N, C-alpha and C. Protein backbone atom coordinates (compact mmCIF):
# COMPACT_ATOMS: atom_id res chain seq x y z
N MET A 1 -17.46 19.65 -17.54
CA MET A 1 -18.82 19.90 -17.95
C MET A 1 -18.81 20.22 -19.45
N THR A 2 -19.70 19.61 -20.20
CA THR A 2 -19.82 19.89 -21.62
C THR A 2 -20.63 21.17 -21.83
N LEU A 3 -20.57 21.69 -23.05
CA LEU A 3 -21.41 22.85 -23.36
C LEU A 3 -22.89 22.54 -23.16
N ASP A 4 -23.30 21.33 -23.58
CA ASP A 4 -24.71 20.95 -23.42
C ASP A 4 -25.10 20.88 -21.95
N GLU A 5 -24.24 20.30 -21.12
CA GLU A 5 -24.52 20.24 -19.68
C GLU A 5 -24.61 21.65 -19.09
N PHE A 6 -23.69 22.52 -19.51
CA PHE A 6 -23.72 23.90 -19.03
C PHE A 6 -25.01 24.59 -19.44
N GLN A 7 -25.40 24.44 -20.71
CA GLN A 7 -26.61 25.08 -21.18
C GLN A 7 -27.83 24.58 -20.43
N ARG A 8 -27.89 23.28 -20.18
CA ARG A 8 -29.03 22.73 -19.43
C ARG A 8 -29.04 23.26 -17.98
N LEU A 9 -27.87 23.40 -17.37
CA LEU A 9 -27.79 23.95 -16.02
C LEU A 9 -28.29 25.39 -15.99
N ILE A 10 -27.84 26.20 -16.94
CA ILE A 10 -28.29 27.59 -17.00
C ILE A 10 -29.79 27.65 -17.26
N GLU A 11 -30.31 26.74 -18.09
CA GLU A 11 -31.76 26.67 -18.30
C GLU A 11 -32.49 26.36 -17.00
N ASP A 12 -31.96 25.39 -16.24
CA ASP A 12 -32.59 25.03 -14.97
C ASP A 12 -32.63 26.22 -14.01
N ILE A 13 -31.56 27.00 -14.02
CA ILE A 13 -31.46 28.11 -13.08
C ILE A 13 -32.27 29.33 -13.53
N TYR A 14 -32.18 29.68 -14.82
CA TYR A 14 -32.67 30.99 -15.26
C TYR A 14 -33.70 30.99 -16.38
N TYR A 15 -33.96 29.87 -17.05
CA TYR A 15 -34.76 29.90 -18.27
C TYR A 15 -36.14 30.53 -18.07
N ALA A 16 -36.85 30.16 -17.02
CA ALA A 16 -38.21 30.69 -16.83
C ALA A 16 -38.19 32.21 -16.75
N LYS A 17 -37.30 32.77 -15.92
CA LYS A 17 -37.22 34.22 -15.75
C LYS A 17 -36.75 34.89 -17.04
N ASP A 18 -35.71 34.33 -17.67
CA ASP A 18 -35.16 34.95 -18.87
C ASP A 18 -36.11 34.87 -20.05
N SER A 19 -36.80 33.75 -20.22
CA SER A 19 -37.73 33.65 -21.33
C SER A 19 -38.94 34.57 -21.13
N ASP A 20 -39.37 34.75 -19.87
CA ASP A 20 -40.45 35.71 -19.60
C ASP A 20 -40.02 37.13 -19.94
N ARG A 21 -38.74 37.44 -19.71
CA ARG A 21 -38.21 38.78 -20.02
C ARG A 21 -38.20 38.98 -21.53
N GLY A 22 -37.94 37.91 -22.27
CA GLY A 22 -37.92 37.99 -23.73
C GLY A 22 -36.51 38.05 -24.29
N LEU A 23 -36.41 37.71 -25.55
CA LEU A 23 -35.11 37.61 -26.21
C LEU A 23 -34.38 38.95 -26.24
N TYR A 24 -35.04 40.01 -26.64
CA TYR A 24 -34.34 41.29 -26.82
C TYR A 24 -33.95 41.93 -25.49
N ALA A 25 -34.79 41.83 -24.49
CA ALA A 25 -34.42 42.36 -23.17
C ALA A 25 -33.30 41.53 -22.55
N THR A 26 -33.33 40.22 -22.77
CA THR A 26 -32.25 39.36 -22.27
C THR A 26 -30.96 39.67 -23.00
N PHE A 27 -31.05 39.96 -24.29
CA PHE A 27 -29.87 40.36 -25.06
C PHE A 27 -29.28 41.65 -24.50
N ALA A 28 -30.11 42.58 -24.07
CA ALA A 28 -29.61 43.82 -23.47
C ALA A 28 -28.81 43.53 -22.19
N TRP A 29 -29.27 42.58 -21.39
CA TRP A 29 -28.52 42.17 -20.19
C TRP A 29 -27.18 41.57 -20.59
N PHE A 30 -27.18 40.78 -21.66
CA PHE A 30 -25.94 40.18 -22.17
C PHE A 30 -24.94 41.29 -22.55
N ILE A 31 -25.42 42.30 -23.24
CA ILE A 31 -24.54 43.41 -23.65
C ILE A 31 -23.97 44.12 -22.42
N GLU A 32 -24.77 44.28 -21.39
CA GLU A 32 -24.26 44.88 -20.15
C GLU A 32 -23.12 44.04 -19.57
N GLU A 33 -23.28 42.72 -19.60
CA GLU A 33 -22.22 41.82 -19.09
C GLU A 33 -20.97 41.92 -19.95
N VAL A 34 -21.13 42.07 -21.26
CA VAL A 34 -19.97 42.24 -22.14
C VAL A 34 -19.23 43.52 -21.76
N GLY A 35 -19.97 44.57 -21.43
CA GLY A 35 -19.35 45.80 -20.97
C GLY A 35 -18.57 45.60 -19.68
N GLU A 36 -19.11 44.83 -18.76
CA GLU A 36 -18.40 44.53 -17.51
C GLU A 36 -17.13 43.74 -17.79
N LEU A 37 -17.19 42.81 -18.74
CA LEU A 37 -16.00 42.06 -19.12
C LEU A 37 -14.96 43.00 -19.73
N SER A 38 -15.41 43.91 -20.56
CA SER A 38 -14.50 44.89 -21.17
C SER A 38 -13.76 45.68 -20.10
N ARG A 39 -14.49 46.14 -19.09
CA ARG A 39 -13.85 46.91 -18.02
C ARG A 39 -12.84 46.06 -17.25
N ALA A 40 -13.18 44.80 -16.99
CA ALA A 40 -12.26 43.91 -16.28
C ALA A 40 -11.00 43.65 -17.10
N LEU A 41 -11.17 43.52 -18.41
CA LEU A 41 -10.01 43.32 -19.28
C LEU A 41 -9.12 44.55 -19.29
N MET A 42 -9.72 45.72 -19.36
CA MET A 42 -8.93 46.97 -19.38
C MET A 42 -8.18 47.19 -18.08
N ARG A 43 -8.79 46.77 -16.96
CA ARG A 43 -8.13 46.91 -15.65
C ARG A 43 -7.05 45.87 -15.43
N GLY A 44 -7.10 44.77 -16.20
CA GLY A 44 -6.13 43.70 -16.00
C GLY A 44 -6.40 42.86 -14.77
N ASP A 45 -7.62 42.91 -14.26
CA ASP A 45 -8.01 42.19 -13.05
C ASP A 45 -8.39 40.75 -13.41
N LYS A 46 -7.47 39.81 -13.19
CA LYS A 46 -7.68 38.41 -13.60
C LYS A 46 -8.88 37.77 -12.93
N ALA A 47 -9.08 38.03 -11.66
CA ALA A 47 -10.23 37.43 -10.96
C ALA A 47 -11.54 37.96 -11.54
N ALA A 48 -11.60 39.26 -11.77
CA ALA A 48 -12.80 39.85 -12.36
C ALA A 48 -13.00 39.36 -13.79
N GLN A 49 -11.91 39.18 -14.53
CA GLN A 49 -12.01 38.68 -15.90
C GLN A 49 -12.65 37.30 -15.91
N ALA A 50 -12.18 36.42 -15.04
CA ALA A 50 -12.73 35.06 -14.97
C ALA A 50 -14.21 35.10 -14.61
N GLU A 51 -14.57 35.94 -13.65
CA GLU A 51 -15.97 36.05 -13.23
C GLU A 51 -16.84 36.57 -14.38
N GLU A 52 -16.36 37.60 -15.07
CA GLU A 52 -17.15 38.21 -16.14
C GLU A 52 -17.24 37.30 -17.37
N VAL A 53 -16.18 36.55 -17.67
CA VAL A 53 -16.27 35.57 -18.77
C VAL A 53 -17.36 34.55 -18.44
N GLY A 54 -17.42 34.11 -17.19
CA GLY A 54 -18.47 33.18 -16.78
C GLY A 54 -19.86 33.78 -16.93
N ASP A 55 -19.99 35.06 -16.55
CA ASP A 55 -21.29 35.72 -16.70
C ASP A 55 -21.68 35.86 -18.17
N VAL A 56 -20.72 36.26 -19.01
CA VAL A 56 -21.00 36.40 -20.45
C VAL A 56 -21.40 35.05 -21.04
N LEU A 57 -20.71 33.99 -20.64
CA LEU A 57 -21.05 32.66 -21.14
C LEU A 57 -22.45 32.25 -20.70
N ALA A 58 -22.81 32.54 -19.46
CA ALA A 58 -24.14 32.19 -18.97
C ALA A 58 -25.22 32.96 -19.72
N TRP A 59 -25.01 34.26 -19.93
CA TRP A 59 -26.01 35.05 -20.66
C TRP A 59 -26.09 34.62 -22.12
N LEU A 60 -24.95 34.31 -22.75
CA LEU A 60 -24.97 33.80 -24.12
C LEU A 60 -25.75 32.50 -24.19
N SER A 61 -25.55 31.65 -23.20
CA SER A 61 -26.25 30.38 -23.14
C SER A 61 -27.75 30.57 -23.04
N THR A 62 -28.19 31.50 -22.20
CA THR A 62 -29.63 31.71 -22.05
C THR A 62 -30.23 32.33 -23.31
N ILE A 63 -29.48 33.20 -23.99
CA ILE A 63 -29.94 33.74 -25.27
C ILE A 63 -30.10 32.62 -26.28
N ALA A 64 -29.11 31.72 -26.33
CA ALA A 64 -29.19 30.58 -27.25
C ALA A 64 -30.42 29.74 -26.94
N SER A 65 -30.66 29.48 -25.67
CA SER A 65 -31.82 28.66 -25.28
C SER A 65 -33.13 29.31 -25.70
N ILE A 66 -33.27 30.59 -25.43
CA ILE A 66 -34.50 31.30 -25.81
C ILE A 66 -34.69 31.25 -27.32
N ALA A 67 -33.58 31.36 -28.07
CA ALA A 67 -33.64 31.36 -29.52
C ALA A 67 -33.76 29.95 -30.11
N GLY A 68 -33.66 28.92 -29.26
CA GLY A 68 -33.77 27.54 -29.74
C GLY A 68 -32.50 27.01 -30.37
N VAL A 69 -31.35 27.55 -29.94
CA VAL A 69 -30.04 27.13 -30.47
C VAL A 69 -29.30 26.37 -29.37
N ARG A 70 -28.79 25.20 -29.70
CA ARG A 70 -27.96 24.46 -28.76
C ARG A 70 -26.51 24.92 -28.93
N LEU A 71 -25.83 25.24 -27.84
CA LEU A 71 -24.44 25.70 -27.90
C LEU A 71 -23.54 24.68 -28.58
N GLU A 72 -23.75 23.41 -28.30
CA GLU A 72 -22.90 22.38 -28.92
C GLU A 72 -23.07 22.37 -30.43
N ASP A 73 -24.29 22.59 -30.91
CA ASP A 73 -24.51 22.66 -32.36
C ASP A 73 -23.80 23.88 -32.94
N ALA A 74 -23.89 25.00 -32.26
CA ALA A 74 -23.23 26.22 -32.74
C ALA A 74 -21.71 26.05 -32.74
N ALA A 75 -21.17 25.42 -31.71
CA ALA A 75 -19.72 25.22 -31.62
C ALA A 75 -19.20 24.25 -32.68
N ALA A 76 -20.07 23.38 -33.17
CA ALA A 76 -19.66 22.39 -34.18
C ALA A 76 -19.15 23.06 -35.46
N LYS A 77 -19.52 24.30 -35.67
CA LYS A 77 -19.03 25.05 -36.84
C LYS A 77 -17.51 25.06 -36.88
N TYR A 78 -16.86 24.97 -35.73
CA TYR A 78 -15.41 25.05 -35.62
C TYR A 78 -14.73 23.69 -35.40
N ALA A 79 -15.48 22.62 -35.51
CA ALA A 79 -14.94 21.28 -35.22
C ALA A 79 -13.79 20.90 -36.14
N ASP A 80 -13.79 21.39 -37.35
CA ASP A 80 -12.72 21.07 -38.30
C ASP A 80 -11.74 22.21 -38.47
N GLY A 81 -11.65 23.08 -37.48
CA GLY A 81 -10.75 24.22 -37.56
C GLY A 81 -11.49 25.44 -38.07
N CYS A 82 -10.76 26.34 -38.69
CA CYS A 82 -11.35 27.56 -39.25
C CYS A 82 -12.44 27.18 -40.24
N PRO A 83 -13.63 27.76 -40.11
CA PRO A 83 -14.72 27.42 -41.04
C PRO A 83 -14.41 27.77 -42.50
N LYS A 84 -13.49 28.70 -42.73
CA LYS A 84 -13.17 29.09 -44.11
C LYS A 84 -12.06 28.23 -44.71
N CYS A 85 -10.93 28.13 -44.00
CA CYS A 85 -9.78 27.40 -44.57
C CYS A 85 -9.64 25.98 -44.01
N HIS A 86 -10.41 25.67 -42.98
CA HIS A 86 -10.40 24.35 -42.32
C HIS A 86 -9.04 23.99 -41.73
N CYS A 87 -8.25 25.01 -41.38
CA CYS A 87 -6.93 24.77 -40.79
C CYS A 87 -6.94 25.17 -39.32
N THR A 88 -6.07 24.51 -38.55
CA THR A 88 -5.83 24.86 -37.17
C THR A 88 -4.31 24.90 -36.98
N PRO A 89 -3.72 26.08 -36.76
CA PRO A 89 -4.37 27.38 -36.67
C PRO A 89 -4.83 27.88 -38.04
N CYS A 90 -5.68 28.88 -38.01
CA CYS A 90 -6.22 29.47 -39.24
C CYS A 90 -5.09 30.00 -40.11
N ARG A 91 -5.22 29.77 -41.43
CA ARG A 91 -4.24 30.28 -42.39
C ARG A 91 -4.85 31.29 -43.35
N CYS A 92 -6.05 31.76 -43.05
CA CYS A 92 -6.69 32.77 -43.90
C CYS A 92 -5.87 34.06 -43.87
N HIS A 93 -5.90 34.74 -44.95
CA HIS A 93 -5.16 36.01 -45.01
C HIS A 93 -6.11 37.16 -45.05
């Protein structure tokens, strides 16, 4: 699945509810999910980590949609490697 396909899927599932909630309230839900990911990382629970990364990605996607940003466009910033030094891996100091 591409980022664009994922974003469209999340829009199909959640966009109406999330856009009604608004950008800032939806962002607050995103931050809560980041906290859950943090706890899963600290516990070392691989299954929970995978689940929470998926949740964070879904909430980030819905925030992008509400804000009118396509994830694929945002990811293009890194298409040529590091945006500063343009190397892969990054050679910035």
